[in-house]
Amino acid sequence: MSEESTTTPPSEADDSKSAVKRSLLGALGFIQGDENPDPDPKETDPITPPANESPNDEPLEVPPEEPGEAPEAPEAPVTVLSAKDLRVTRKAQQPAKIDAPDPVDPPDPPDPVDPPTPEPKPTPEPKPEVDAFEDLAKNERATIKLLEFGEEKELTEAGTAKDLAAYYRKRNELVQKLESENEFEEDYNPRDDPQYRKWQRSNKPPVDASSLESIREERLVTTAEDRALERMRKEQSAKDEKWESLMKEQEQAKLKPQIERMVSDFSDQLLSEMPEEITASLKTGKQWEQIEEESPIEAPIVKSVLNQYADRAEVVISMMEGAVTPDRQNPLHSELGQFVNKQAKLLLELPKEKSLRNGKAFVSPSAFKGEEGTWTFSQQDILTMLKKKALLSAKNLIDVEQKKYSAIMKKQGAVAPDPLGAASTSSNSPRVNPSSSSTPGKGKPQPRKGLFDILS
């Protein structure tokens, strides 16, 4: 796709704008969709009451101290679970198993149908190479090949091989002629014929036997040297591969603590923005088994999504830090490549001025060459969009399971309890860009002028 959007008809522009609204670019500070406008801080942000007031603006009652009452002992510190406690380590070099489906985007408008491509004309098969000396005997052809080697090594004059082939043909013609004339004579040998001997005396071969022997010896030496060099080359190549593998292992060992730390930070941030009932329970120091009993719908989904997207974050970080080589055959690598390309395509569909960062034009990662005045997704940008996708996935999955649970309870004639806050619009519901804000204008989100502090 070209780096700049072209002028499109109004209908196509509307479809493009709708697709951008459905993307994850909101996590990077771009225009948000109408279906998910930025919340008004006055309406959704919790208001912390002053220290001397209760949430209902009533004064707090402080009970008088009884004389002789011993002060309470300080509570023991609460051990809070982190994302690391919920991580399930996957085997090295194996893609993560994807159990939970991701949120399904509405289908994009169909692309214009291109005219059918005419079938290419069949390429004619190449003509087989014809041996110029196939009419000669096997031993004659071997001698000619030896002379060609001598010509290549400048051990004999150029053209000697062809002259010898012409000599063989003339001699063979004479032999066939003599055999035809004397076909009824018993024990006839054309080489004993006086006519043949006369021809031999007047037609000498272009190379003598001693020269052929010298060329043959040189070919034996050259063949032995070539084989030795090939063996050495293979041995050196194996050593080089072993050395490169060792260096790569050492580099990976150096990068491993850094990658683990970055994945841990990503996981902790993701967990901190999960549904409020889960995060609130974690802060109290409860064990995960207890949290799963209290939130049987939300807790397993949170853990599953956390592990899946921590695995994705690990792959992104490992590839961008150079610890892992991208592999198109790896399903997780392929999925992440398609994810990044899709977001880049949607960003390029915006007007150019809407995708500027510090005055620089956006370029797809696959086409980015670091040219002046351009930018592309950084590692942090990709992780930010992955985190938003994870939060949306968790929210959608919880909504689906809660609806199933409510339907089952309704069929049984029972009243399902109020769903937990995972699917509600509480302040801890999946939200990816709490620090960004939009200029209010009659309740409609305003287009952003560029990228904000979430990418700074």
Protein backbone atom coordinates (compact mmCIF):
# COMPACT_ATOMS: atom_id res chain seq x y z
CA MET A 1 0.00 0.00 0.00
CA SER A 2 1.26 3.48 -0.76
CA GLU A 3 2.46 5.62 2.08
CA GLU A 4 -0.07 8.41 1.35
CA SER A 5 -3.82 8.03 1.06
CA THR A 6 -5.36 8.91 -2.28
CA THR A 7 -8.50 10.93 -2.80
CA THR A 8 -11.57 8.70 -2.49
CA PRO A 9 -15.28 9.26 -3.16
CA PRO A 10 -17.40 10.21 -0.12
CA SER A 11 -18.83 6.70 0.30
CA GLU A 12 -15.40 5.11 0.27
CA ALA A 13 -14.08 7.73 2.65
CA ASP A 14 -16.90 6.95 5.08
CA ASP A 15 -16.07 3.24 4.93
CA SER A 16 -12.40 4.02 5.52
CA LYS A 17 -13.23 6.26 8.49
CA SER A 18 -15.46 3.53 9.92
CA ALA A 19 -12.67 0.99 9.60
CA VAL A 20 -10.27 3.30 11.39
CA LYS A 21 -12.76 3.71 14.22
CA ARG A 22 -12.90 -0.08 14.58
CA SER A 23 -9.11 -0.33 14.78
CA LEU A 24 -6.86 -0.23 17.82
CA LEU A 25 -5.34 3.10 16.83
CA GLY A 26 -7.26 4.75 19.63
CA ALA A 27 -4.66 3.29 21.95
CA LEU A 28 -2.09 5.44 20.16
CA GLY A 29 -4.05 8.65 20.60
CA PHE A 30 -5.81 8.91 17.24
CA ILE A 31 -9.48 9.71 16.63
CA GLN A 32 -11.84 7.49 18.62
CA GLY A 33 -14.99 5.86 17.27
CA ASP A 34 -18.43 7.28 18.04
CA GLU A 35 -19.47 3.92 19.45
CA ASN A 36 -16.72 4.17 22.06
CA PRO A 37 -16.22 7.88 22.77
CA ASP A 38 -13.70 9.13 25.27
CA PRO A 39 -15.39 9.34 28.65
CA ASP A 40 -16.05 12.70 30.21
CA PRO A 41 -13.76 12.96 33.25
CA LYS A 42 -16.54 14.74 35.15
CA GLU A 43 -18.91 11.81 34.65
CA THR A 44 -16.73 8.73 34.99
CA ASP A 45 -13.67 9.61 37.05
CA PRO A 46 -14.17 8.68 40.69
CA ILE A 47 -14.14 11.64 43.05
CA THR A 48 -11.99 11.09 46.09
CA PRO A 49 -13.65 12.74 49.11
CA PRO A 50 -11.58 14.93 51.42
CA ALA A 51 -9.90 13.20 54.31
CA ASN A 52 -12.38 14.52 56.88
CA GLU A 53 -15.53 13.77 54.88
CA SER A 54 -17.37 10.60 53.94
CA PRO A 55 -18.56 9.91 50.38
CA ASN A 56 -22.04 11.18 51.46
CA ASP A 57 -20.60 14.47 52.74
CA GLU A 58 -21.39 13.41 56.31
CA PRO A 59 -18.78 13.89 59.05
CA LEU A 60 -17.03 10.75 60.11
CA GLU A 61 -17.83 9.61 63.65
CA VAL A 62 -14.73 8.94 65.70
CA PRO A 63 -15.49 6.75 68.75
CA PRO A 64 -13.93 8.00 71.99
CA GLU A 65 -11.03 6.04 73.30
CA GLU A 66 -11.74 4.02 76.39
CA PRO A 67 -9.28 4.52 79.23
CA GLY A 68 -6.73 1.81 79.57
CA GLU A 69 -7.47 0.38 76.11
CA ALA A 70 -4.32 -0.93 74.50
CA PRO A 71 -3.59 0.22 70.99
CA GLU A 72 -4.24 -2.33 68.30
CA ALA A 73 -1.25 -4.15 66.92
CA PRO A 74 -0.32 -3.16 63.38
CA GLU A 75 -1.66 -5.48 60.70
CA ALA A 76 0.76 -7.80 58.94
CA PRO A 77 1.73 -6.66 55.44
CA VAL A 78 -0.49 -8.06 52.67
CA THR A 79 1.21 -10.15 50.00
CA VAL A 80 -0.27 -9.09 46.67
CA LEU A 81 -0.22 -11.44 43.67
CA SER A 82 1.42 -10.09 40.53
CA ALA A 83 1.04 -11.07 36.90
CA LYS A 84 4.12 -13.26 37.28
CA ASP A 85 2.19 -15.49 39.70
CA LEU A 86 -0.45 -16.13 37.01
CA ARG A 87 1.93 -16.75 34.12
CA VAL A 88 2.05 -20.20 32.59
CA THR A 89 5.47 -20.76 31.07
CA ARG A 90 5.24 -22.15 27.57
CA LYS A 91 7.90 -24.39 26.08
CA ALA A 92 10.66 -22.64 24.20
CA GLN A 93 10.26 -22.32 20.43
CA GLN A 94 6.59 -23.34 20.63
CA PRO A 95 3.78 -20.92 19.81
CA ALA A 96 1.26 -20.16 22.50
CA LYS A 97 -1.97 -22.12 22.39
CA ILE A 98 -4.83 -19.78 21.62
CA ASP A 99 -7.96 -20.90 23.39
CA ALA A 100 -10.02 -17.75 23.76
CA PRO A 101 -11.26 -16.02 20.59
CA ASP A 102 -10.40 -12.41 19.98
CA PRO A 103 -13.13 -9.82 19.57
CA VAL A 104 -14.63 -10.03 16.11
CA ASP A 105 -14.46 -6.81 14.12
CA PRO A 106 -17.29 -5.94 11.74
CA PRO A 107 -16.41 -7.00 8.19
CA ASP A 108 -14.49 -4.47 6.16
CA PRO A 109 -16.02 -3.21 2.91
CA PRO A 110 -15.14 -5.50 -0.02
CA ASP A 111 -12.19 -4.49 -2.12
CA PRO A 112 -12.85 -3.57 -5.74
CA VAL A 113 -12.75 -6.58 -8.03
CA ASP A 114 -9.81 -6.48 -10.39
CA PRO A 115 -10.31 -7.63 -13.99
CA PRO A 116 -9.27 -11.23 -14.57
CA THR A 117 -5.63 -11.60 -15.33
CA PRO A 118 -5.04 -13.21 -18.72
CA GLU A 119 -3.37 -16.55 -18.52
CA PRO A 120 0.30 -16.31 -19.41
CA LYS A 121 1.43 -18.01 -22.57
CA PRO A 122 3.17 -21.29 -21.89
CA THR A 123 6.90 -20.93 -21.80
CA PRO A 124 8.51 -23.13 -24.44
CA GLU A 125 10.63 -25.87 -22.97
CA PRO A 126 14.34 -25.27 -23.44
CA LYS A 127 15.91 -27.40 -26.08
CA PRO A 128 18.12 -30.11 -24.64
CA GLU A 129 21.81 -29.52 -25.01
CA VAL A 130 23.26 -31.48 -27.90
CA ASP A 131 26.65 -33.08 -27.48
CA ALA A 132 28.73 -31.90 -30.38
CA PHE A 133 30.74 -35.10 -30.19
CA GLU A 134 27.97 -37.67 -29.73
CA ASP A 135 28.83 -39.29 -33.07
CA LEU A 136 32.26 -40.28 -31.75
CA ALA A 137 33.20 -43.32 -29.70
CA LYS A 138 33.30 -43.17 -25.90
CA ASN A 139 37.09 -43.24 -25.66
CA GLU A 140 37.35 -40.55 -28.34
CA ARG A 141 34.96 -38.29 -26.44
CA ALA A 142 36.97 -38.82 -23.23
CA THR A 143 40.16 -37.71 -24.99
CA ILE A 144 38.42 -34.60 -26.32
CA LYS A 145 37.17 -33.71 -22.79
CA LEU A 146 40.74 -34.06 -21.57
CA LEU A 147 41.94 -31.63 -24.23
CA GLU A 148 39.16 -29.16 -23.30
CA PHE A 149 40.50 -29.22 -19.73
CA GLY A 150 44.01 -28.61 -21.12
CA GLU A 151 42.74 -25.62 -23.09
CA GLU A 152 41.04 -24.23 -19.94
CA LYS A 153 44.31 -24.54 -18.00
CA GLU A 154 46.32 -23.21 -20.97
CA LEU A 155 48.26 -26.45 -21.23
CA THR A 156 47.56 -26.69 -24.95
CA GLU A 157 46.52 -24.34 -27.71
CA ALA A 158 42.89 -23.27 -28.04
CA GLY A 159 40.99 -25.24 -30.66
CA THR A 160 43.00 -28.41 -30.23
CA ALA A 161 39.97 -30.37 -29.03
CA LYS A 162 37.96 -29.46 -32.16
CA ASP A 163 40.91 -30.30 -34.41
CA LEU A 164 41.17 -33.72 -32.76
CA ALA A 165 37.42 -34.30 -33.26
CA ALA A 166 37.81 -33.48 -36.97
CA TYR A 167 40.76 -35.92 -37.13
CA TYR A 168 38.66 -38.68 -35.55
CA ARG A 169 35.79 -38.13 -37.98
CA LYS A 170 37.99 -38.30 -41.05
CA ARG A 171 39.65 -41.46 -39.76
CA ASN A 172 36.29 -43.06 -38.97
CA GLU A 173 34.98 -42.23 -42.45
CA LEU A 174 37.99 -43.94 -44.00
CA VAL A 175 37.58 -47.01 -41.79
CA GLN A 176 33.90 -47.32 -42.72
CA LYS A 177 34.77 -46.96 -46.43
CA LEU A 178 37.44 -49.68 -46.30
CA GLU A 179 35.14 -52.02 -44.32
CA SER A 180 32.40 -51.56 -46.92
CA GLU A 181 34.75 -52.33 -49.80
CA ASN A 182 36.15 -55.45 -48.13
CA GLU A 183 33.11 -56.77 -46.34
CA PHE A 184 33.36 -60.23 -47.93
CA GLU A 185 37.01 -60.81 -47.02
CA GLU A 186 37.55 -62.94 -43.92
CA ASP A 187 39.75 -61.65 -41.07
CA TYR A 188 39.94 -58.24 -42.70
CA ASN A 189 41.38 -55.46 -40.48
CA PRO A 190 41.14 -51.98 -41.99
CA ARG A 191 44.05 -50.76 -39.86
CA ASP A 192 46.31 -53.19 -41.65
CA ASP A 193 45.16 -51.90 -45.02
CA PRO A 194 47.96 -50.08 -46.96
CA GLN A 195 45.51 -47.32 -47.84
CA TYR A 196 44.81 -46.70 -44.13
CA ARG A 197 48.53 -46.65 -43.27
CA LYS A 198 49.20 -44.18 -46.06
CA TRP A 199 46.43 -41.93 -44.68
CA GLN A 200 47.95 -42.11 -41.19
CA ARG A 201 51.38 -41.09 -42.47
CA SER A 202 49.95 -38.01 -44.16
CA ASN A 203 47.44 -37.06 -41.36
CA LYS A 204 49.00 -36.61 -37.93
CA PRO A 205 46.77 -36.00 -34.82
CA PRO A 206 46.92 -32.42 -33.43
CA VAL A 207 48.37 -33.63 -30.09
CA ASP A 208 50.88 -36.31 -29.21
CA ALA A 209 50.66 -38.97 -26.51
CA SER A 210 53.15 -37.30 -24.14
CA SER A 211 51.16 -34.05 -24.15
CA LEU A 212 47.99 -35.98 -23.37
CA GLU A 213 49.70 -37.71 -20.46
CA SER A 214 50.89 -34.37 -19.02
CA ILE A 215 47.38 -32.95 -19.23
CA ARG A 216 45.96 -36.10 -17.62
CA GLU A 217 48.37 -35.81 -14.67
CA GLU A 218 47.48 -32.14 -14.20
CA ARG A 219 43.79 -32.99 -14.17
CA LEU A 220 44.34 -35.61 -11.47
CA VAL A 221 46.17 -33.04 -9.30
CA THR A 222 43.51 -30.40 -9.88
CA THR A 223 40.70 -32.83 -9.04
CA ALA A 224 42.43 -33.80 -5.79
CA GLU A 225 42.93 -30.14 -4.86
CA ASP A 226 39.31 -29.28 -5.63
CA ARG A 227 38.09 -32.13 -3.46
CA ALA A 228 40.36 -31.08 -0.61
CA LEU A 229 39.21 -27.47 -0.89
CA GLU A 230 35.57 -28.54 -0.93
CA ARG A 231 36.10 -30.66 2.17
CA MET A 232 37.83 -27.75 3.92
CA ARG A 233 35.05 -25.40 2.86
CA LYS A 234 32.40 -27.68 4.35
CA GLU A 235 34.39 -28.06 7.57
CA GLN A 236 34.88 -24.29 7.81
CA SER A 237 31.20 -23.69 7.07
CA ALA A 238 30.25 -26.07 9.90
CA LYS A 239 32.65 -24.26 12.23
CA ASP A 240 31.21 -20.89 11.20
CA GLU A 241 27.66 -22.10 11.80
CA LYS A 242 28.65 -23.47 15.20
CA TRP A 243 30.37 -20.19 16.06
CA GLU A 244 27.38 -18.12 14.93
CA SER A 245 25.07 -20.36 16.94
CA LEU A 246 27.27 -19.95 20.02
CA MET A 247 27.40 -16.17 19.61
CA LYS A 248 23.62 -16.05 19.15
CA GLU A 249 23.11 -18.13 22.30
CA GLN A 250 25.38 -15.78 24.25
CA GLU A 251 23.52 -12.75 22.90
CA GLN A 252 20.19 -14.33 23.80
CA ALA A 253 21.49 -15.07 27.29
CA LYS A 254 22.44 -11.40 27.68
CA LEU A 255 19.05 -10.22 26.43
CA LYS A 256 17.00 -12.75 28.39
CA PRO A 257 16.84 -10.80 31.72
CA GLN A 258 15.93 -7.59 29.87
CA ILE A 259 13.20 -9.34 27.85
CA GLU A 260 11.80 -11.04 30.94
CA ARG A 261 11.67 -7.72 32.74
CA MET A 262 9.89 -6.01 29.84
CA VAL A 263 7.37 -8.87 29.54
CA SER A 264 6.78 -8.70 33.30
CA ASP A 265 6.12 -4.95 33.10
CA PHE A 266 3.68 -5.50 30.23
CA SER A 267 1.87 -8.25 32.16
CA ASP A 268 1.62 -6.17 35.33
CA GLN A 269 0.20 -3.19 33.42
CA LEU A 270 -2.28 -5.46 31.64
CA LEU A 271 -3.38 -7.09 34.90
CA SER A 272 -3.79 -3.72 36.61
CA GLU A 273 -6.36 -2.66 34.00
CA MET A 274 -8.39 -5.85 34.12
CA PRO A 275 -11.93 -5.89 35.67
CA GLU A 276 -12.25 -4.11 39.00
CA GLU A 277 -13.45 -7.16 40.97
CA ILE A 278 -10.29 -9.05 40.02
CA THR A 279 -7.86 -6.21 40.65
CA ALA A 280 -9.58 -5.30 43.93
CA SER A 281 -9.34 -8.90 45.15
CA LEU A 282 -5.67 -9.03 44.24
CA LYS A 283 -4.97 -5.95 46.33
CA THR A 284 -6.41 -7.65 49.42
CA GLY A 285 -3.79 -10.40 49.22
CA LYS A 286 -6.20 -13.23 48.33
CA GLN A 287 -4.86 -16.34 46.71
CA TRP A 288 -5.81 -16.94 43.09
CA GLU A 289 -7.77 -20.10 43.95
CA GLN A 290 -9.97 -18.03 46.26
CA ILE A 291 -10.43 -15.37 43.58
CA GLU A 292 -11.51 -18.04 41.10
CA GLU A 293 -14.10 -19.31 43.57
CA GLU A 294 -15.48 -15.80 44.08
CA SER A 295 -15.35 -14.88 40.36
CA PRO A 296 -15.75 -18.17 38.45
CA ILE A 297 -16.54 -16.41 35.19
CA GLU A 298 -14.08 -13.54 35.22
CA ALA A 299 -10.98 -15.03 36.85
CA PRO A 300 -10.30 -17.88 34.37
CA ILE A 301 -10.78 -15.53 31.43
CA VAL A 302 -8.46 -12.93 32.93
CA LYS A 303 -5.75 -15.54 33.50
CA SER A 304 -6.14 -17.02 30.00
CA VAL A 305 -6.03 -13.64 28.23
CA LEU A 306 -3.14 -12.49 30.40
CA ASN A 307 -1.05 -15.52 29.42
CA GLN A 308 -1.93 -15.36 25.74
CA TYR A 309 -1.01 -11.71 25.34
CA ALA A 310 2.07 -11.97 27.55
CA ASP A 311 3.25 -14.64 25.11
CA ARG A 312 2.56 -12.30 22.21
CA ALA A 313 4.39 -9.47 23.95
CA GLU A 314 7.34 -11.77 24.56
CA VAL A 315 7.54 -12.63 20.86
CA VAL A 316 7.29 -8.96 19.81
CA ILE A 317 10.00 -7.89 22.25
CA SER A 318 12.27 -10.84 21.39
CA MET A 319 12.04 -10.15 17.65
CA MET A 320 12.55 -6.39 17.95
CA GLU A 321 15.47 -6.83 20.35
CA GLY A 322 17.11 -9.29 17.96
CA ALA A 323 16.89 -12.35 20.23
CA VAL A 324 14.54 -14.21 17.85
CA THR A 325 14.55 -14.32 14.06
CA PRO A 326 11.09 -13.80 12.50
CA ASP A 327 9.75 -17.02 11.03
CA ARG A 328 6.82 -16.92 8.60
CA GLN A 329 6.13 -20.60 9.31
CA ASN A 330 5.54 -19.85 13.01
CA PRO A 331 1.79 -19.26 13.52
CA LEU A 332 2.34 -16.70 16.29
CA HIS A 333 4.91 -14.76 14.25
CA SER A 334 2.55 -14.75 11.27
CA GLU A 335 -0.40 -13.59 13.40
CA LEU A 336 1.59 -10.70 14.88
CA GLY A 337 2.85 -9.66 11.45
CA GLN A 338 -0.71 -9.52 10.11
CA PHE A 339 -1.83 -7.59 13.21
CA VAL A 340 0.83 -4.89 12.77
CA ASN A 341 0.26 -4.64 9.00
CA LYS A 342 -3.50 -4.24 9.49
CA GLN A 343 -3.07 -1.39 11.97
CA ALA A 344 -0.53 0.28 9.68
CA LYS A 345 -2.94 -0.01 6.73
CA LEU A 346 -5.73 1.61 8.75
CA LEU A 347 -3.46 4.41 9.86
CA LEU A 348 -2.40 5.09 6.28
CA GLU A 349 -6.08 5.42 5.33
CA LEU A 350 -6.32 8.52 7.53
CA PRO A 351 -5.57 11.90 6.01
CA LYS A 352 -1.83 12.39 6.09
CA GLU A 353 -2.02 15.27 8.58
CA LYS A 354 -3.91 13.05 11.04
CA SER A 355 -1.06 10.52 11.27
CA LEU A 356 1.78 12.95 11.86
CA ARG A 357 4.08 12.52 14.84
CA ASN A 358 6.27 15.52 15.60
CA GLY A 359 5.73 16.64 12.03
CA LYS A 360 6.89 13.30 10.60
CA ALA A 361 4.84 11.23 8.15
CA PHE A 362 3.87 7.68 9.02
CA VAL A 363 5.36 4.82 6.97
CA SER A 364 4.36 1.16 7.19
CA PRO A 365 6.95 -0.93 9.11
CA SER A 366 7.51 -3.11 6.04
CA ALA A 367 8.45 -0.03 3.98
CA PHE A 368 10.23 1.97 6.69
CA LYS A 369 13.90 2.72 5.91
CA GLY A 370 14.61 5.36 8.54
CA GLU A 371 14.44 8.23 6.11
CA GLU A 372 14.34 11.73 7.51
CA GLY A 373 10.85 13.08 8.15
CA THR A 374 9.26 9.63 8.59
CA TRP A 375 8.26 7.39 11.48
CA THR A 376 6.74 3.97 12.03
CA PHE A 377 5.43 1.87 14.90
CA SER A 378 7.89 1.44 17.72
CA GLN A 379 8.07 -1.53 20.02
CA GLN A 380 6.10 0.39 22.65
CA ASP A 381 3.42 1.32 20.09
CA ILE A 382 2.86 -2.34 19.22
CA LEU A 383 2.74 -3.35 22.88
CA THR A 384 0.25 -0.57 23.60
CA MET A 385 -2.08 -1.80 20.85
CA LEU A 386 -1.65 -5.40 22.01
CA LYS A 387 -2.64 -4.39 25.51
CA LYS A 388 -5.78 -2.69 24.25
CA LYS A 389 -6.67 -5.74 22.18
CA ALA A 390 -6.19 -7.96 25.23
CA LEU A 391 -8.47 -5.80 27.36
CA LEU A 392 -11.17 -5.76 24.68
CA SER A 393 -10.85 -9.53 24.29
CA ALA A 394 -11.23 -10.09 28.05
CA LYS A 395 -14.25 -7.78 28.23
CA ASN A 396 -16.00 -9.41 25.26
CA LEU A 397 -15.37 -12.94 26.52
CA ILE A 398 -16.68 -12.07 29.98
CA ASP A 399 -19.78 -10.45 28.46
CA VAL A 400 -20.48 -13.61 26.43
CA GLU A 401 -20.06 -15.94 29.42
CA GLN A 402 -22.23 -13.74 31.65
CA LYS A 403 -25.00 -13.73 29.04
CA LYS A 404 -24.81 -17.52 28.79
CA TYR A 405 -25.00 -17.79 32.58
CA SER A 406 -27.98 -15.42 32.74
CA ALA A 407 -29.78 -17.39 30.02
CA ILE A 408 -29.26 -20.66 31.89
CA MET A 409 -30.51 -19.16 35.16
CA LYS A 410 -33.55 -17.74 33.38
CA LYS A 411 -34.45 -21.14 31.93
CA GLN A 412 -34.24 -22.64 35.41
CA GLY A 413 -36.58 -19.98 36.75
CA ALA A 414 -33.91 -18.37 38.91
CA VAL A 415 -32.72 -14.80 38.92
CA ALA A 416 -29.09 -14.40 37.95
CA PRO A 417 -27.08 -12.19 40.28
CA ASP A 418 -25.91 -8.84 39.02
CA PRO A 419 -22.89 -9.36 36.79
CA LEU A 420 -19.54 -8.39 38.15
CA GLY A 421 -17.97 -5.18 37.04
CA ALA A 422 -15.95 -6.76 34.25
CA ALA A 423 -18.67 -6.04 31.73
CA SER A 424 -19.83 -2.79 33.27
CA THR A 425 -18.56 0.69 32.61
CA SER A 426 -16.77 1.12 35.91
CA SER A 427 -13.61 3.13 36.18
CA ASN A 428 -11.54 -0.05 35.99
CA SER A 429 -13.29 -1.53 32.97
CA PRO A 430 -10.96 -2.24 30.06
CA ARG A 431 -9.77 1.17 28.98
CA VAL A 432 -6.53 1.69 27.23
CA ASN A 433 -5.93 5.39 27.03
CA PRO A 434 -6.92 6.91 30.38
CA SER A 435 -4.32 9.64 30.14
CA SER A 436 -5.51 11.00 26.78
CA SER A 437 -8.45 13.33 26.54
CA SER A 438 -10.67 14.77 23.86
CA THR A 439 -12.02 18.23 23.62
CA PRO A 440 -15.71 18.02 24.52
CA GLY A 441 -18.04 19.40 21.95
CA LYS A 442 -21.74 18.65 22.45
CA GLY A 443 -20.89 15.14 23.62
CA LYS A 444 -19.08 14.20 20.38
CA PRO A 445 -15.37 13.28 20.45
CA GLN A 446 -13.21 15.66 18.48
CA PRO A 447 -10.49 14.62 16.01
CA ARG A 448 -7.04 14.58 17.54
CA LYS A 449 -4.28 16.74 16.11
CA GLY A 450 -1.55 14.11 16.46
CA LEU A 451 -0.17 11.63 18.96
CA PHE A 452 -0.40 12.39 22.65
CA ASP A 453 1.41 11.50 25.84
CA ILE A 454 0.60 7.78 25.60
CA LEU A 455 3.32 7.53 22.95
CA SER A 456 5.72 10.07 24.36
